[in-house]
């Protein structure tokens, strides 16, 4: 078994590879939406790192991943409706193509960047489609189109 490598050494190694690392400044804040079927949708954009990109106006691109979580009223959950499905089946089995989400809350999450800048990001949901499928927990399966809104500022 190898010894534990200090975190600072690992981060410095990543920076030497050409990445701009990120550190959250406080709480990571998701956005929340309500759908017409009473489902509450929680959407979060997590910033992983930035990569130098001379084609971008800012000189870098943002690497991130989106997470969508649905909270469904217990009377609307139907585990008996679950059946396995493939990714290719989802697009052709839409019950409601545009659920027009009502915005409950959209907040910026703020990150300190290793290049001395500050990045703020919030998730904005553009479209939610309800499919005919249900998860194993009986929750309806939704397709969520999320767009990150990003602000980058130089620190004084």
C-alpha atoms as a PDB file:
ATOM      1  CA  UNK A   1       0.000   0.000   0.000  1.00  0.00           C
ATOM      2  CA  UNK A   2       1.307   3.439  -0.891  1.00  0.00           C
ATOM      3  CA  UNK A   3       1.338   6.444   1.431  1.00  0.00           C
ATOM      4  CA  UNK A   4      -1.232   9.188   1.269  1.00  0.00           C
ATOM      5  CA  UNK A   5      -0.216  11.964  -1.117  1.00  0.00           C
ATOM      6  CA  UNK A   6      -1.048  15.470   0.146  1.00  0.00           C
ATOM      7  CA  UNK A   7      -4.005  17.054  -1.646  1.00  0.00           C
ATOM      8  CA  UNK A   8      -1.986  20.170  -2.497  1.00  0.00           C
ATOM      9  CA  UNK A   9       0.545  18.009  -4.356  1.00  0.00           C
ATOM     10  CA  UNK A  10      -2.224  16.315  -6.347  1.00  0.00           C
ATOM     11  CA  UNK A  11      -3.853  19.671  -7.251  1.00  0.00           C
ATOM     12  CA  UNK A  12      -0.493  21.131  -8.293  1.00  0.00           C
ATOM     13  CA  UNK A  13       0.089  18.113 -10.536  1.00  0.00           C
ATOM     14  CA  UNK A  14      -3.307  18.680 -12.179  1.00  0.00           C
ATOM     15  CA  UNK A  15      -2.486  22.388 -12.724  1.00  0.00           C
ATOM     16  CA  UNK A  16       0.845  21.410 -14.315  1.00  0.00           C
ATOM     17  CA  UNK A  17      -1.170  19.350 -16.801  1.00  0.00           C
ATOM     18  CA  UNK A  18      -2.775  22.605 -18.006  1.00  0.00           C
ATOM     19  CA  UNK A  19      -6.051  22.548 -16.090  1.00  0.00           C
ATOM     20  CA  UNK A  20      -7.590  25.408 -14.158  1.00  0.00           C
ATOM     21  CA  UNK A  21      -8.925  23.863 -10.971  1.00  0.00           C
ATOM     22  CA  UNK A  22     -12.011  25.048  -9.116  1.00  0.00           C
ATOM     23  CA  UNK A  23     -12.918  25.409  -5.473  1.00  0.00           C
ATOM     24  CA  UNK A  24     -16.500  26.202  -4.424  1.00  0.00           C
ATOM     25  CA  UNK A  25     -16.903  29.485  -2.550  1.00  0.00           C
ATOM     26  CA  UNK A  26     -19.629  28.449  -0.166  1.00  0.00           C
ATOM     27  CA  UNK A  27     -22.669  26.339  -0.892  1.00  0.00           C
ATOM     28  CA  UNK A  28     -23.345  24.837  -4.336  1.00  0.00           C
ATOM     29  CA  UNK A  29     -26.837  26.076  -5.202  1.00  0.00           C
ATOM     30  CA  UNK A  30     -29.225  24.108  -7.402  1.00  0.00           C
ATOM     31  CA  UNK A  31     -32.156  25.537  -9.341  1.00  0.00           C
ATOM     32  CA  UNK A  32     -35.698  24.345  -8.591  1.00  0.00           C
ATOM     33  CA  UNK A  33     -38.720  24.143 -10.890  1.00  0.00           C
ATOM     34  CA  UNK A  34     -42.295  22.943 -10.572  1.00  0.00           C
ATOM     35  CA  UNK A  35     -43.915  20.935 -13.349  1.00  0.00           C
ATOM     36  CA  UNK A  36     -47.630  20.944 -14.143  1.00  0.00           C
ATOM     37  CA  UNK A  37     -47.922  17.382 -12.762  1.00  0.00           C
ATOM     38  CA  UNK A  38     -46.731  18.720  -9.327  1.00  0.00           C
ATOM     39  CA  UNK A  39     -43.249  17.239  -9.702  1.00  0.00           C
ATOM     40  CA  UNK A  40     -40.476  19.400  -8.285  1.00  0.00           C
ATOM     41  CA  UNK A  41     -37.323  19.335 -10.382  1.00  0.00           C
ATOM     42  CA  UNK A  42     -33.914  20.052  -8.827  1.00  0.00           C
ATOM     43  CA  UNK A  43     -31.116  20.815 -11.311  1.00  0.00           C
ATOM     44  CA  UNK A  44     -27.466  21.292 -10.485  1.00  0.00           C
ATOM     45  CA  UNK A  45     -24.472  22.081 -12.670  1.00  0.00           C
ATOM     46  CA  UNK A  46     -21.219  20.940 -11.091  1.00  0.00           C
ATOM     47  CA  UNK A  47     -18.049  22.564 -12.427  1.00  0.00           C
ATOM     48  CA  UNK A  48     -15.190  20.057 -12.677  1.00  0.00           C
ATOM     49  CA  UNK A  49     -12.385  22.136 -14.194  1.00  0.00           C
ATOM     50  CA  UNK A  50     -11.481  24.498 -17.019  1.00  0.00           C
ATOM     51  CA  UNK A  51      -9.305  23.626 -20.000  1.00  0.00           C
ATOM     52  CA  UNK A  52      -7.316  26.089 -22.115  1.00  0.00           C
ATOM     53  CA  UNK A  53      -9.039  26.611 -25.480  1.00  0.00           C
ATOM     54  CA  UNK A  54      -7.700  29.291 -27.850  1.00  0.00           C
ATOM     55  CA  UNK A  55     -10.921  29.040 -29.922  1.00  0.00           C
ATOM     56  CA  UNK A  56     -12.992  30.336 -26.997  1.00  0.00           C
ATOM     57  CA  UNK A  57     -13.337  34.118 -26.414  1.00  0.00           C
ATOM     58  CA  UNK A  58     -12.378  33.617 -22.754  1.00  0.00           C
ATOM     59  CA  UNK A  59      -9.440  31.366 -23.670  1.00  0.00           C
ATOM     60  CA  UNK A  60     -10.864  28.289 -21.948  1.00  0.00           C
ATOM     61  CA  UNK A  61     -13.793  25.889 -21.919  1.00  0.00           C
ATOM     62  CA  UNK A  62     -15.686  24.736 -18.858  1.00  0.00           C
ATOM     63  CA  UNK A  63     -15.945  21.025 -18.066  1.00  0.00           C
ATOM     64  CA  UNK A  64     -19.099  20.326 -16.082  1.00  0.00           C
ATOM     65  CA  UNK A  65     -21.796  17.748 -15.488  1.00  0.00           C
ATOM     66  CA  UNK A  66     -25.525  18.248 -14.977  1.00  0.00           C
ATOM     67  CA  UNK A  67     -27.637  16.468 -12.396  1.00  0.00           C
ATOM     68  CA  UNK A  68     -31.445  16.446 -12.464  1.00  0.00           C
ATOM     69  CA  UNK A  69     -33.467  15.049  -9.584  1.00  0.00           C
ATOM     70  CA  UNK A  70     -37.253  14.762  -9.560  1.00  0.00           C
ATOM     71  CA  UNK A  71     -39.415  14.803  -6.454  1.00  0.00           C
ATOM     72  CA  UNK A  72     -42.744  13.179  -7.256  1.00  0.00           C
ATOM     73  CA  UNK A  73     -45.826  13.111  -5.006  1.00  0.00           C
ATOM     74  CA  UNK A  74     -46.220   9.636  -3.492  1.00  0.00           C
ATOM     75  CA  UNK A  75     -49.647   9.139  -5.099  1.00  0.00           C
ATOM     76  CA  UNK A  76     -48.060   9.791  -8.506  1.00  0.00           C
ATOM     77  CA  UNK A  77     -45.366   7.124  -8.086  1.00  0.00           C
ATOM     78  CA  UNK A  78     -46.106   3.813  -9.795  1.00  0.00           C
ATOM     79  CA  UNK A  79     -43.355   1.201  -9.288  1.00  0.00           C
ATOM     80  CA  UNK A  80     -45.646  -1.373 -10.926  1.00  0.00           C
ATOM     81  CA  UNK A  81     -45.302   0.607 -14.197  1.00  0.00           C
ATOM     82  CA  UNK A  82     -41.527   0.137 -14.343  1.00  0.00           C
ATOM     83  CA  UNK A  83     -40.165  -1.905 -17.204  1.00  0.00           C
ATOM     84  CA  UNK A  84     -36.640  -1.935 -18.611  1.00  0.00           C
ATOM     85  CA  UNK A  85     -36.008   0.414 -21.525  1.00  0.00           C
ATOM     86  CA  UNK A  86     -33.128   1.446 -23.721  1.00  0.00           C
ATOM     87  CA  UNK A  87     -31.814   4.959 -24.304  1.00  0.00           C
ATOM     88  CA  UNK A  88     -32.980   4.798 -27.928  1.00  0.00           C
ATOM     89  CA  UNK A  89     -36.586   4.124 -26.812  1.00  0.00           C
ATOM     90  CA  UNK A  90     -36.832   7.256 -24.702  1.00  0.00           C
ATOM     91  CA  UNK A  91     -36.968   9.823 -27.536  1.00  0.00           C
ATOM     92  CA  UNK A  92     -39.775   8.003 -29.343  1.00  0.00           C
ATOM     93  CA  UNK A  93     -41.913   7.524 -26.213  1.00  0.00           C
ATOM     94  CA  UNK A  94     -42.783  11.056 -25.104  1.00  0.00           C
ATOM     95  CA  UNK A  95     -46.114  11.684 -23.342  1.00  0.00           C
ATOM     96  CA  UNK A  96     -45.726  15.451 -22.929  1.00  0.00           C
ATOM     97  CA  UNK A  97     -43.142  17.186 -25.094  1.00  0.00           C
ATOM     98  CA  UNK A  98     -43.005  20.534 -23.272  1.00  0.00           C
ATOM     99  CA  UNK A  99     -44.034  20.669 -19.620  1.00  0.00           C
ATOM    100  CA  UNK A 100     -43.120  24.389 -19.362  1.00  0.00           C
ATOM    101  CA  UNK A 101     -41.450  24.354 -15.955  1.00  0.00           C
ATOM    102  CA  UNK A 102     -42.328  27.094 -13.478  1.00  0.00           C
ATOM    103  CA  UNK A 103     -39.200  28.599 -11.950  1.00  0.00           C
ATOM    104  CA  UNK A 104     -39.175  28.322  -8.171  1.00  0.00           C
ATOM    105  CA  UNK A 105     -35.563  29.334  -7.642  1.00  0.00           C
ATOM    106  CA  UNK A 106     -32.419  29.914  -9.734  1.00  0.00           C
ATOM    107  CA  UNK A 107     -29.243  30.798  -7.841  1.00  0.00           C
ATOM    108  CA  UNK A 108     -25.612  31.146  -8.854  1.00  0.00           C
ATOM    109  CA  UNK A 109     -22.989  28.825  -7.394  1.00  0.00           C
ATOM    110  CA  UNK A 110     -19.638  30.585  -7.102  1.00  0.00           C
ATOM    111  CA  UNK A 111     -16.206  29.018  -7.632  1.00  0.00           C
ATOM    112  CA  UNK A 112     -12.682  30.337  -7.083  1.00  0.00           C
ATOM    113  CA  UNK A 113     -10.436  29.389  -9.978  1.00  0.00           C
ATOM    114  CA  UNK A 114      -6.764  28.538  -9.671  1.00  0.00           C
ATOM    115  CA  UNK A 115      -5.996  31.203 -12.286  1.00  0.00           C
ATOM    116  CA  UNK A 116      -7.197  33.919  -9.884  1.00  0.00           C
ATOM    117  CA  UNK A 117     -10.622  34.423 -11.466  1.00  0.00           C
ATOM    118  CA  UNK A 118     -14.107  33.790 -10.091  1.00  0.00           C
ATOM    119  CA  UNK A 119     -16.687  31.727 -11.978  1.00  0.00           C
ATOM    120  CA  UNK A 120     -20.414  31.820 -11.206  1.00  0.00           C
ATOM    121  CA  UNK A 121     -22.839  29.321 -12.727  1.00  0.00           C
ATOM    122  CA  UNK A 122     -26.544  28.608 -12.475  1.00  0.00           C
ATOM    123  CA  UNK A 123     -28.685  25.955 -14.108  1.00  0.00           C
ATOM    124  CA  UNK A 124     -31.540  27.140 -16.309  1.00  0.00           C
ATOM    125  CA  UNK A 125     -34.053  24.591 -17.540  1.00  0.00           C
ATOM    126  CA  UNK A 126     -35.272  25.262 -21.058  1.00  0.00           C
ATOM    127  CA  UNK A 127     -37.500  22.254 -21.702  1.00  0.00           C
ATOM    128  CA  UNK A 128     -38.801  19.218 -19.845  1.00  0.00           C
ATOM    129  CA  UNK A 129     -40.394  16.285 -21.659  1.00  0.00           C
ATOM    130  CA  UNK A 130     -42.253  13.553 -19.811  1.00  0.00           C
ATOM    131  CA  UNK A 131     -41.747  10.076 -21.198  1.00  0.00           C
ATOM    132  CA  UNK A 132     -44.013   7.025 -20.960  1.00  0.00           C
ATOM    133  CA  UNK A 133     -41.417   5.313 -18.761  1.00  0.00           C
ATOM    134  CA  UNK A 134     -41.080   5.044 -15.001  1.00  0.00           C
ATOM    135  CA  UNK A 135     -38.019   4.491 -12.835  1.00  0.00           C
ATOM    136  CA  UNK A 136     -37.717   1.418 -10.619  1.00  0.00           C
ATOM    137  CA  UNK A 137     -38.959   3.658  -7.778  1.00  0.00           C
ATOM    138  CA  UNK A 138     -42.111   4.393  -9.786  1.00  0.00           C
ATOM    139  CA  UNK A 139     -41.247   7.978 -10.666  1.00  0.00           C
ATOM    140  CA  UNK A 140     -42.038   9.235 -14.177  1.00  0.00           C
ATOM    141  CA  UNK A 141     -38.935   9.575 -16.351  1.00  0.00           C
ATOM    142  CA  UNK A 142     -38.313  13.064 -17.720  1.00  0.00           C
ATOM    143  CA  UNK A 143     -35.913  14.379 -20.367  1.00  0.00           C
ATOM    144  CA  UNK A 144     -34.505  17.666 -19.063  1.00  0.00           C
ATOM    145  CA  UNK A 145     -32.794  20.232 -21.303  1.00  0.00           C
ATOM    146  CA  UNK A 146     -30.518  22.309 -19.037  1.00  0.00           C
ATOM    147  CA  UNK A 147     -28.343  25.251 -19.997  1.00  0.00           C
ATOM    148  CA  UNK A 148     -25.598  26.669 -17.790  1.00  0.00           C
ATOM    149  CA  UNK A 149     -25.498  30.437 -17.376  1.00  0.00           C
ATOM    150  CA  UNK A 150     -21.865  31.314 -16.665  1.00  0.00           C
ATOM    151  CA  UNK A 151     -20.207  34.524 -15.493  1.00  0.00           C
ATOM    152  CA  UNK A 152     -16.413  34.864 -15.203  1.00  0.00           C
ATOM    153  CA  UNK A 153     -14.792  37.774 -13.373  1.00  0.00           C
ATOM    154  CA  UNK A 154     -11.198  38.752 -12.786  1.00  0.00           C
ATOM    155  CA  UNK A 155     -10.457  39.194  -9.097  1.00  0.00           C
ATOM    156  CA  UNK A 156      -9.267  42.696  -8.170  1.00  0.00           C
END
